[in-house]
PDB file of N, CA and C in Angstrom:
ATOM      1  N   MET A   1      82.053 116.240 126.096  1.00  0.00           N
ATOM      2  CA  MET A   1      81.075 115.615 125.003  1.00  0.00           C
ATOM      3  C   MET A   1      79.948 115.940 125.750  1.00  0.00           C
ATOM      4  N   ALA A   2      78.987 116.865 125.036  1.00  0.00           N
ATOM      5  CA  ALA A   2      77.477 116.853 125.399  1.00  0.00           C
ATOM      6  C   ALA A   2      76.892 115.983 124.833  1.00  0.00           C
ATOM      7  N   LEU A   3      75.494 115.133 125.416  1.00  0.00           N
ATOM      8  CA  LEU A   3      75.146 114.263 125.209  1.00  0.00           C
ATOM      9  C   LEU A   3      73.560 114.630 124.413  1.00  0.00           C
ATOM     10  N   MET A   4      73.006 114.195 123.507  1.00  0.00           N
ATOM     11  CA  MET A   4      71.797 114.673 122.659  1.00  0.00           C
ATOM     12  C   MET A   4      70.816 113.218 122.988  1.00  0.00           C
ATOM     13  N   ILE A   5      69.536 113.431 122.641  1.00  0.00           N
ATOM     14  CA  ILE A   5      68.467 112.580 122.593  1.00  0.00           C
ATOM     15  C   ILE A   5      67.985 112.445 120.949  1.00  0.00           C
ATOM     16  N   THR A   6      67.874 111.365 120.548  1.00  0.00           N
ATOM     17  CA  THR A   6      67.342 111.413 119.361  1.00  0.00           C
ATOM     18  C   THR A   6      66.038 111.058 119.054  1.00  0.00           C
ATOM     19  N   ASP A   7      65.486 110.963 117.731  1.00  0.00           N
ATOM     20  CA  ASP A   7      63.900 110.702 117.366  1.00  0.00           C
ATOM     21  C   ASP A   7      63.599 109.640 118.347  1.00  0.00           C
ATOM     22  N   GLU A   8      64.208 108.437 118.479  1.00  0.00           N
ATOM     23  CA  GLU A   8      63.889 107.271 119.271  1.00  0.00           C
ATOM     24  C   GLU A   8      63.129 107.331 120.511  1.00  0.00           C
ATOM     25  N   CYS A   9      63.547 108.871 120.876  1.00  0.00           N
ATOM     26  CA  CYS A   9      62.757 109.125 122.247  1.00  0.00           C
ATOM     27  C   CYS A   9      61.425 108.986 122.240  1.00  0.00           C
ATOM     28  N   ILE A  10      60.656 108.038 123.441  1.00  0.00           N
ATOM     29  CA  ILE A  10      59.498 108.012 123.629  1.00  0.00           C
ATOM     30  C   ILE A  10      58.789 108.842 124.502  1.00  0.00           C
ATOM     31  N   ASN A  11      59.480 110.057 124.885  1.00  0.00           N
ATOM     32  CA  ASN A  11      58.847 111.032 125.712  1.00  0.00           C
ATOM     33  C   ASN A  11      58.414 110.434 127.131  1.00  0.00           C
ATOM     34  N   CYS A  12      59.225 109.505 128.072  1.00  0.00           N
ATOM     35  CA  CYS A  12      58.512 108.646 128.827  1.00  0.00           C
ATOM     36  C   CYS A  12      58.889 109.475 130.301  1.00  0.00           C
ATOM     37  N   ASP A  13      59.615 110.811 129.689  1.00  0.00           N
ATOM     38  CA  ASP A  13      60.056 111.545 131.252  1.00  0.00           C
ATOM     39  C   ASP A  13      60.875 110.680 132.362  1.00  0.00           C
ATOM     40  N   VAL A  14      61.742 109.945 132.079  1.00  0.00           N
ATOM     41  CA  VAL A  14      62.268 109.365 133.247  1.00  0.00           C
ATOM     42  C   VAL A  14      63.863 110.186 133.247  1.00  0.00           C
ATOM     43  N   CYS A  15      64.072 110.779 131.988  1.00  0.00           N
ATOM     44  CA  CYS A  15      65.657 111.400 132.199  1.00  0.00           C
ATOM     45  C   CYS A  15      65.641 112.782 132.596  1.00  0.00           C
ATOM     46  N   GLU A  16      64.748 113.652 132.199  1.00  0.00           N
ATOM     47  CA  GLU A  16      64.745 114.663 132.961  1.00  0.00           C
ATOM     48  C   GLU A  16      64.784 115.234 134.526  1.00  0.00           C
ATOM     49  N   PRO A  17      64.155 114.415 135.432  1.00  0.00           N
ATOM     50  CA  PRO A  17      64.294 114.542 136.569  1.00  0.00           C
ATOM     51  C   PRO A  17      65.413 114.230 137.264  1.00  0.00           C
ATOM     52  N   GLU A  18      66.424 113.438 136.460  1.00  0.00           N
ATOM     53  CA  GLU A  18      68.047 112.753 136.488  1.00  0.00           C
ATOM     54  C   GLU A  18      68.869 113.834 136.703  1.00  0.00           C
ATOM     55  N   CYS A  19      68.521 114.702 135.782  1.00  0.00           N
ATOM     56  CA  CYS A  19      69.780 115.410 135.076  1.00  0.00           C
ATOM     57  C   CYS A  19      69.938 116.275 136.387  1.00  0.00           C
ATOM     58  N   PRO A  20      70.975 116.405 136.851  1.00  0.00           N
ATOM     59  CA  PRO A  20      71.511 117.086 138.168  1.00  0.00           C
ATOM     60  C   PRO A  20      71.868 118.813 137.233  1.00  0.00           C
ATOM     61  N   ASN A  21      72.087 119.077 136.078  1.00  0.00           N
ATOM     62  CA  ASN A  21      72.218 120.160 135.526  1.00  0.00           C
ATOM     63  C   ASN A  21      71.019 120.952 134.934  1.00  0.00           C
ATOM     64  N   GLN A  22      69.906 119.988 134.945  1.00  0.00           N
ATOM     65  CA  GLN A  22      68.743 120.868 134.926  1.00  0.00           C
ATOM     66  C   GLN A  22      68.869 120.867 133.258  1.00  0.00           C
ATOM     67  N   ALA A  23      69.746 120.189 132.193  1.00  0.00           N
ATOM     68  CA  ALA A  23      69.742 120.520 131.117  1.00  0.00           C
ATOM     69  C   ALA A  23      68.998 119.639 130.069  1.00  0.00           C
ATOM     70  N   ILE A  24      67.874 118.762 130.683  1.00  0.00           N
ATOM     71  CA  ILE A  24      67.330 118.405 129.861  1.00  0.00           C
ATOM     72  C   ILE A  24      65.697 118.750 130.345  1.00  0.00           C
ATOM     73  N   SER A  25      65.173 119.331 128.999  1.00  0.00           N
ATOM     74  CA  SER A  25      63.619 119.719 128.849  1.00  0.00           C
ATOM     75  C   SER A  25      63.090 119.486 127.593  1.00  0.00           C
ATOM     76  N   LEU A  26      61.457 119.429 128.152  1.00  0.00           N
ATOM     77  CA  LEU A  26      60.637 118.922 126.731  1.00  0.00           C
ATOM     78  C   LEU A  26      60.615 119.945 125.728  1.00  0.00           C
ATOM     79  N   GLY A  27      61.283 119.435 124.215  1.00  0.00           N
ATOM     80  CA  GLY A  27      61.075 120.476 123.314  1.00  0.00           C
ATOM     81  C   GLY A  27      59.741 120.265 122.651  1.00  0.00           C
ATOM     82  N   GLU A  28      59.862 120.368 121.296  1.00  0.00           N
ATOM     83  CA  GLU A  28      58.463 120.500 120.340  1.00  0.00           C
ATOM     84  C   GLU A  28      57.997 119.349 120.163  1.00  0.00           C
ATOM     85  N   LYS A  29      58.774 118.467 119.959  1.00  0.00           N
ATOM     86  CA  LYS A  29      58.139 117.071 119.583  1.00  0.00           C
ATOM     87  C   LYS A  29      58.750 116.047 120.982  1.00  0.00           C
ATOM     88  N   ILE A  30      60.419 115.955 120.964  1.00  0.00           N
ATOM     89  CA  ILE A  30      60.916 114.948 121.863  1.00  0.00           C
ATOM     90  C   ILE A  30      61.649 115.860 122.981  1.00  0.00           C
ATOM     91  N   TYR A  31      62.087 115.246 124.192  1.00  0.00           N
ATOM     92  CA  TYR A  31      63.208 115.701 125.079  1.00  0.00           C
ATOM     93  C   TYR A  31      64.105 116.104 124.158  1.00  0.00           C
ATOM     94  N   GLU A  32      65.072 117.472 124.738  1.00  0.00           N
ATOM     95  CA  GLU A  32      66.099 117.463 124.313  1.00  0.00           C
ATOM     96  C   GLU A  32      66.978 118.266 125.431  1.00  0.00           C
ATOM     97  N   ILE A  33      68.736 117.968 125.092  1.00  0.00           N
ATOM     98  CA  ILE A  33      69.262 118.266 125.886  1.00  0.00           C
ATOM     99  C   ILE A  33      70.561 119.579 125.906  1.00  0.00           C
ATOM    100  N   ASP A  34      70.514 120.288 126.417  1.00  0.00           N
ATOM    101  CA  ASP A  34      70.806 121.849 126.241  1.00  0.00           C
ATOM    102  C   ASP A  34      72.482 121.780 126.571  1.00  0.00           C
ATOM    103  N   PRO A  35      73.201 121.553 125.387  1.00  0.00           N
ATOM    104  CA  PRO A  35      75.004 121.291 125.427  1.00  0.00           C
ATOM    105  C   PRO A  35      75.371 122.010 126.526  1.00  0.00           C
ATOM    106  N   ALA A  36      74.797 123.539 126.461  1.00  0.00           N
ATOM    107  CA  ALA A  36      75.752 124.570 127.313  1.00  0.00           C
ATOM    108  C   ALA A  36      75.646 123.836 128.753  1.00  0.00           C
ATOM    109  N   LYS A  37      74.496 123.276 128.991  1.00  0.00           N
ATOM    110  CA  LYS A  37      74.475 122.547 130.299  1.00  0.00           C
ATOM    111  C   LYS A  37      74.672 121.352 130.959  1.00  0.00           C
ATOM    112  N   CYS A  38      74.879 120.270 130.011  1.00  0.00           N
ATOM    113  CA  CYS A  38      75.327 118.987 129.683  1.00  0.00           C
ATOM    114  C   CYS A  38      76.469 118.737 130.093  1.00  0.00           C
ATOM    115  N   THR A  39      76.701 118.263 131.118  1.00  0.00           N
ATOM    116  CA  THR A  39      78.593 117.882 131.859  1.00  0.00           C
ATOM    117  C   THR A  39      78.566 116.484 131.828  1.00  0.00           C
ATOM    118  N   GLU A  40      77.579 115.539 130.959  1.00  0.00           N
ATOM    119  CA  GLU A  40      77.566 114.259 131.082  1.00  0.00           C
ATOM    120  C   GLU A  40      77.974 113.648 132.814  1.00  0.00           C
ATOM    121  N   CYS A  41      77.287 114.231 133.228  1.00  0.00           N
ATOM    122  CA  CYS A  41      77.005 114.128 135.106  1.00  0.00           C
ATOM    123  C   CYS A  41      78.505 114.194 135.474  1.00  0.00           C
ATOM    124  N   VAL A  42      79.627 114.840 134.903  1.00  0.00           N
ATOM    125  CA  VAL A  42      80.936 114.914 135.408  1.00  0.00           C
ATOM    126  C   VAL A  42      80.873 116.024 137.001  1.00  0.00           C
ATOM    127  N   GLY A  43      81.113 115.961 137.844  1.00  0.00           N
ATOM    128  CA  GLY A  43      80.791 116.691 139.017  1.00  0.00           C
ATOM    129  C   GLY A  43      80.269 115.872 139.769  1.00  0.00           C
ATOM    130  N   HIS A  44      79.025 115.392 139.084  1.00  0.00           N
ATOM    131  CA  HIS A  44      78.025 114.609 140.250  1.00  0.00           C
ATOM    132  C   HIS A  44      78.192 112.905 140.377  1.00  0.00           C
ATOM    133  N   PHE A  45      78.178 112.522 139.125  1.00  0.00           N
ATOM    134  CA  PHE A  45      77.926 111.283 139.435  1.00  0.00           C
ATOM    135  C   PHE A  45      79.185 110.659 138.121  1.00  0.00           C
ATOM    136  N   ASP A  46      79.573 109.162 138.104  1.00  0.00           N
ATOM    137  CA  ASP A  46      80.315 108.544 137.494  1.00  0.00           C
ATOM    138  C   ASP A  46      80.018 108.356 136.061  1.00  0.00           C
ATOM    139  N   GLU A  47      79.064 108.228 135.950  1.00  0.00           N
ATOM    140  CA  GLU A  47      78.018 107.792 134.649  1.00  0.00           C
ATOM    141  C   GLU A  47      77.017 108.865 134.455  1.00  0.00           C
ATOM    142  N   PRO A  48      76.808 109.208 132.912  1.00  0.00           N
ATOM    143  CA  PRO A  48      75.532 110.345 132.982  1.00  0.00           C
ATOM    144  C   PRO A  48      74.000 109.254 133.215  1.00  0.00           C
ATOM    145  N   GLN A  49      73.729 109.963 133.980  1.00  0.00           N
ATOM    146  CA  GLN A  49      72.381 109.683 134.646  1.00  0.00           C
ATOM    147  C   GLN A  49      71.326 109.337 133.683  1.00  0.00           C
ATOM    148  N   CYS A  50      71.171 110.284 132.934  1.00  0.00           N
ATOM    149  CA  CYS A  50      70.193 109.888 131.875  1.00  0.00           C
ATOM    150  C   CYS A  50      70.205 108.775 130.767  1.00  0.00           C
ATOM    151  N   MET A  51      71.442 108.312 130.396  1.00  0.00           N
ATOM    152  CA  MET A  51      71.575 107.184 129.678  1.00  0.00           C
ATOM    153  C   MET A  51      71.239 105.972 130.495  1.00  0.00           C
ATOM    154  N   GLN A  52      71.678 106.082 132.012  1.00  0.00           N
ATOM    155  CA  GLN A  52      71.397 104.795 132.739  1.00  0.00           C
ATOM    156  C   GLN A  52      69.548 104.818 132.823  1.00  0.00           C
ATOM    157  N   VAL A  53      68.718 105.535 132.600  1.00  0.00           N
ATOM    158  CA  VAL A  53      67.769 105.484 132.735  1.00  0.00           C
ATOM    159  C   VAL A  53      66.801 105.556 131.630  1.00  0.00           C
ATOM    160  N   CYS A  54      67.427 105.861 130.597  1.00  0.00           N
ATOM    161  CA  CYS A  54      66.440 105.782 129.482  1.00  0.00           C
ATOM    162  C   CYS A  54      66.015 104.003 128.974  1.00  0.00           C
ATOM    163  N   PRO A  55      64.817 104.213 128.782  1.00  0.00           N
ATOM    164  CA  PRO A  55      64.192 102.534 128.560  1.00  0.00           C
ATOM    165  C   PRO A  55      64.866 102.061 126.770  1.00  0.00           C
ATOM    166  N   VAL A  56      64.839 103.143 126.286  1.00  0.00           N
ATOM    167  CA  VAL A  56      65.206 102.800 124.649  1.00  0.00           C
ATOM    168  C   VAL A  56      66.808 103.344 124.059  1.00  0.00           C
ATOM    169  N   SER A  57      67.304 103.643 124.754  1.00  0.00           N
ATOM    170  CA  SER A  57      68.644 103.929 124.609  1.00  0.00           C
ATOM    171  C   SER A  57      68.768 104.601 123.705  1.00  0.00           C
ATOM    172  N   CYS A  58      68.586 105.922 123.854  1.00  0.00           N
ATOM    173  CA  CYS A  58      68.236 107.021 122.811  1.00  0.00           C
ATOM    174  C   CYS A  58      69.142 108.217 122.572  1.00  0.00           C
ATOM    175  N   ILE A  59      70.034 108.083 123.871  1.00  0.00           N
ATOM    176  CA  ILE A  59      70.719 109.406 124.495  1.00  0.00           C
ATOM    177  C   ILE A  59      72.211 109.122 124.069  1.00  0.00           C
ATOM    178  N   PRO A  60      72.479 109.222 122.722  1.00  0.00           N
ATOM    179  CA  PRO A  60      74.403 109.044 122.798  1.00  0.00           C
ATOM    180  C   PRO A  60      74.746 110.406 122.987  1.00  0.00           C
ATOM    181  N   VAL A  61      76.398 110.381 122.599  1.00  0.00           N
ATOM    182  CA  VAL A  61      77.142 111.684 122.589  1.00  0.00           C
ATOM    183  C   VAL A  61      76.708 112.197 121.466  1.00  0.00           C
ATOM    184  N   ASP A  62      76.741 114.037 121.678  1.00  0.00           N
ATOM    185  CA  ASP A  62      76.316 114.566 120.561  1.00  0.00           C
ATOM    186  C   ASP A  62      77.536 115.078 119.539  1.00  0.00           C
ATOM    187  N   PRO A  63      77.686 114.517 118.223  1.00  0.00           N
ATOM    188  CA  PRO A  63      78.801 114.616 117.671  1.00  0.00           C
ATOM    189  C   PRO A  63      79.376 116.297 117.412  1.00  0.00           C
ATOM    190  N   HIS A  64      78.342 117.077 117.437  1.00  0.00           N
ATOM    191  CA  HIS A  64      78.706 118.421 117.069  1.00  0.00           C
ATOM    192  C   HIS A  64      79.107 119.340 118.406  1.00  0.00           C
ATOM    193  N   HIS A  65      79.043 118.802 119.838  1.00  0.00           N
ATOM    194  CA  HIS A  65      79.743 119.033 120.813  1.00  0.00           C
ATOM    195  C   HIS A  65      80.619 118.090 121.395  1.00  0.00           C
ATOM    196  N   VAL A  66      81.959 117.706 120.775  1.00  0.00           N
ATOM    197  CA  VAL A  66      82.433 116.815 121.662  1.00  0.00           C
ATOM    198  C   VAL A  66      83.419 117.582 122.347  1.00  0.00           C
ATOM    199  N   GLU A  67      83.612 117.221 123.686  1.00  0.00           N
ATOM    200  CA  GLU A  67      84.190 118.118 124.814  1.00  0.00           C
ATOM    201  C   GLU A  67      85.043 117.188 125.478  1.00  0.00           C
ATOM    202  N   SER A  68      86.342 117.374 126.147  1.00  0.00           N
ATOM    203  CA  SER A  68      87.130 116.726 127.161  1.00  0.00           C
ATOM    204  C   SER A  68      86.435 116.513 128.312  1.00  0.00           C
ATOM    205  N   ARG A  69      86.969 115.621 129.223  1.00  0.00           N
ATOM    206  CA  ARG A  69      86.471 115.280 130.308  1.00  0.00           C
ATOM    207  C   ARG A  69      86.937 116.907 131.385  1.00  0.00           C
ATOM    208  N   GLU A  70      88.016 117.417 130.764  1.00  0.00           N
ATOM    209  CA  GLU A  70      88.671 118.310 131.724  1.00  0.00           C
ATOM    210  C   GLU A  70      87.464 119.528 131.595  1.00  0.00           C
ATOM    211  N   THR A  71      87.137 119.749 129.991  1.00  0.00           N
ATOM    212  CA  THR A  71      86.238 120.656 129.919  1.00  0.00           C
ATOM    213  C   THR A  71      85.043 120.677 130.485  1.00  0.00           C
ATOM    214  N   LEU A  72      84.504 119.074 130.721  1.00  0.00           N
ATOM    215  CA  LEU A  72      82.983 118.863 131.061  1.00  0.00           C
ATOM    216  C   LEU A  72      82.945 119.551 132.598  1.00  0.00           C
ATOM    217  N   TRP A  73      84.846 119.567 133.343  1.00  0.00           N
ATOM    218  CA  TRP A  73      84.668 119.638 134.462  1.00  0.00           C
ATOM    219  C   TRP A  73      84.579 121.159 134.985  1.00  0.00           C
ATOM    220  N   GLN A  74      85.453 121.754 134.025  1.00  0.00           N
ATOM    221  CA  GLN A  74      85.214 123.445 133.907  1.00  0.00           C
ATOM    222  C   GLN A  74      83.887 123.708 133.577  1.00  0.00           C
ATOM    223  N   LYS A  75      82.755 123.339 133.046  1.00  0.00           N
ATOM    224  CA  LYS A  75      81.577 123.716 132.556  1.00  0.00           C
ATOM    225  C   LYS A  75      81.002 123.511 133.888  1.00  0.00           C
ATOM    226  N   PHE A  76      81.151 122.172 134.444  1.00  0.00           N
ATOM    227  CA  PHE A  76      80.318 122.157 136.059  1.00  0.00           C
ATOM    228  C   PHE A  76      80.945 123.099 136.713  1.00  0.00           C
ATOM    229  N   GLN A  77      81.923 123.300 136.976  1.00  0.00           N
ATOM    230  CA  GLN A  77      82.243 124.499 137.757  1.00  0.00           C
ATOM    231  C   GLN A  77      81.692 125.807 137.865  1.00  0.00           C
ATOM    232  N   ARG A  78      81.547 126.106 136.576  1.00  0.00           N
ATOM    233  CA  ARG A  78      81.027 127.346 136.097  1.00  0.00           C
ATOM    234  C   ARG A  78      79.292 127.265 136.284  1.00  0.00           C
ATOM    235  N   LEU A  79      78.596 126.127 135.979  1.00  0.00           N
ATOM    236  CA  LEU A  79      77.411 126.271 136.063  1.00  0.00           C
ATOM    237  C   LEU A  79      77.195 125.961 138.033  1.00  0.00           C
ATOM    238  N   GLN A  80      78.118 125.515 138.404  1.00  0.00           N
ATOM    239  CA  GLN A  80      77.900 125.693 140.211  1.00  0.00           C
ATOM    240  C   GLN A  80      78.121 127.300 140.514  1.00  0.00           C
ATOM    241  N   GLN A  81      78.690 127.684 139.995  1.00  0.00           N
ATOM    242  CA  GLN A  81      79.177 128.798 140.400  1.00  0.00           C
ATOM    243  C   GLN A  81      77.821 129.798 139.958  1.00  0.00           C
ATOM    244  N   SER A  82      77.317 129.840 138.890  1.00  0.00           N
ATOM    245  CA  SER A  82      76.307 130.512 138.513  1.00  0.00           C
ATOM    246  C   SER A  82      74.762 130.275 139.510  1.00  0.00           C
ATOM    247  N   VAL A  83      75.144 128.696 140.193  1.00  0.00           N
ATOM    248  CA  VAL A  83      73.787 128.652 140.751  1.00  0.00           C
ATOM    249  C   VAL A  83      73.805 128.864 142.014  1.00  0.00           C
ATOM    250  N   ARG A  84      75.139 129.491 142.630  1.00  0.00           N
ATOM    251  CA  ARG A  84      75.366 130.302 143.772  1.00  0.00           C
ATOM    252  C   ARG A  84      75.159 131.298 143.840  1.00  0.00           C
ATOM    253  N   ILE A  85      75.222 132.304 142.764  1.00  0.00           N
ATOM    254  CA  ILE A  85      74.893 133.423 142.523  1.00  0.00           C
ATOM    255  C   ILE A  85      73.393 133.637 142.769  1.00  0.00           C
ATOM    256  N   ASP A  86      72.795 132.854 141.413  1.00  0.00           N
ATOM    257  CA  ASP A  86      71.311 133.061 141.683  1.00  0.00           C
ATOM    258  C   ASP A  86      70.734 132.759 142.984  1.00  0.00           C
TER     259      ASP A  86
END
């Protein structure tokens, strides 16, 4: 499952630097999470770091991008390979 940032986001800037996959960026109005890069921190941490630091708890699971832990692990491995190639 990828995560998403809801409209309750206050643009506090604490989530973006915590993302090990650089999946979080400032969108038009609030921060956004790229589901193609979000692994819920699988491969890096036990818990999603953005959720841990969010002061308003506006980062739930994105119901449109439901993925198993195995799928998240595979995505993590693909992302790591592309980092090595770049």
